[in-house]
Amino acid sequence: MSRKTLTRRQFVAATAMSSAALITAPYVRGAYAAGKISIGFWDHWVPGANKASTELVNEWAAKEKVEVSIDYITSQGKKIELTIAAEAAAKSGHDVLAMPTWWPHAHAELLEPVNDIMEPIIKQNGDVNGTVKYLGRAGNKWLAVPATIGSQIKGPCSRIDLLKKFANIDIQEMYPAGGQPKADNWNMETFLKAAEACQKGGVPFGIGLGETTDSTDTAGAIFQSFGAELVNAKGDLTVKTDAVRQALEFYKKLIAVLPPDVAAWDDASNNKWLISGKGALIMNPPSAWAVAKRDAPQIAEQCWTHGMPSGPKGRYAPYLPYFWGTWSFSKNKEAAKSLLTHLSQPSSIEKFVAASGGYDLPAYANMTTLKTWQEEGPPKGTLYHYPNPHNHQTLSIAASPAPPKIAQQIYAQATLTKMCLRYAQGEKMEATLAWAEGECEGFMRS
């Protein structure tokens, strides 16, 4: 992913060149009594997951007698972001559109408020976590509906055998399938010692320090566990604090025992590292495990997804939610809201989770113990702790709690991983902090 900030004009120009690749053949429902609606979903990487979405829309359309068309839009090449920006500029587009993380806030003034459907959905499904509120609301206005499809936690996926052999950690005992975590001693000190032991054993942890999201997400959760913020919730600069210094000191020690090329890793690198058998732990949703199940089953059988280590200020997990938004200029807002309500029903959510093999995560408190996570394997129960069923950790996004439009820039420019590398490679602490402060000042002005 490029970390350059694009203007809206650049987004539109890029979209004009790539629009042919965005739109798949539409699925059309024939009855016209309640009008038409167009939907732009994220094009899921799991085979069969798009089919589940189409079936749920079909089910709703037949009942409501609405003509629908569905586009599945890939996230490769930032095509979802390009589509969002182009439609915002043209004030024309899908009635329901998938929006990653920061994009509801980026276009808050053009989104139809969805308080009227979110309040009953939350009453039915349970409350949503703080990061969903941070990204999905502006003040008391709900900008978009949390989407199960595409939402994920990028927590640790560990090799059961290698952690036992080299770090003397029984990760299944610490995070038992079907039971409460027993992770009081799973902290940043223990994590660092385990990383050092596995590196000596020839199977280093595979944690990226590149400029794409996997690296940024991990850095965000580790910084937050130290209470380290570059900009606080009020929009004040907080770079030159002891908490930020502590996070950088930790990362310097960690980088010393990671693979030597982690500064160049992208979002595929950690997956490949796990599947190759070279590493004992990565930070990722279950996509790496799922590919291992297909391509390297002997490795998949030794994988266990579990919670993050805790830091001085708590236990934070990297979390990336998706949303479904409806434009204020939508031609059929009533139908859009009806569909979003249908897609947020417990039966729909359960179907999404099952179709994705447990990858997709609902945002709601009452929807974290579905049978898919209990039964997926091998080994059975490997995904039980993935959806945070015991509220064991705070689900967070990197650069929060800064105001979202500032945090988006910190995130997009990979400021956290750049800081860690600068300091680990020998730059003086105060020089690294001064550089980061200057970057954040620029984001605050833009």
Foldseek 3Di string as FASTA:
>chain_A
DALDDDDLVRLQVVCVVCVVVFFDFWDWDPFAPQHEFEEEAAQDPFPQLVVLVVVLVNVVCVVVRYIYTYGHGYPPPPRLVSQLSNCLVVVDDGQKGKFWQQVLVVSVVFFDFQPVLVVVLCVVFPDFAPSCCLRQDDVPTGRFAFALPPWFWQAKKFQQVLCCVFLVDRVCQQPPQPDDGVCPVQALVSVLSSQQRSLVVQAHAAAALEQEQSNLLVLQQLLVLLVHAQAALVRHGDLPDPSNVVSLVSLLSNCVSHPVVRHPDYPCVNLCSQLVVRHGMYGGFCPSLVVCVVVPVVSNLRIAGAFHHGHPRFGEIRIMIMTMTGTPSDPNNPVVSVSSSSCSDLVNSLSSCVSNLNRGEDRRLNNLQRVSCQQDDNVGNRRNPGRVNVVRGRYHHGNPPYNSQLSVSCSSRSLSSVLSVCVSVPDDNVVSSVVSSVSSVVSVVD
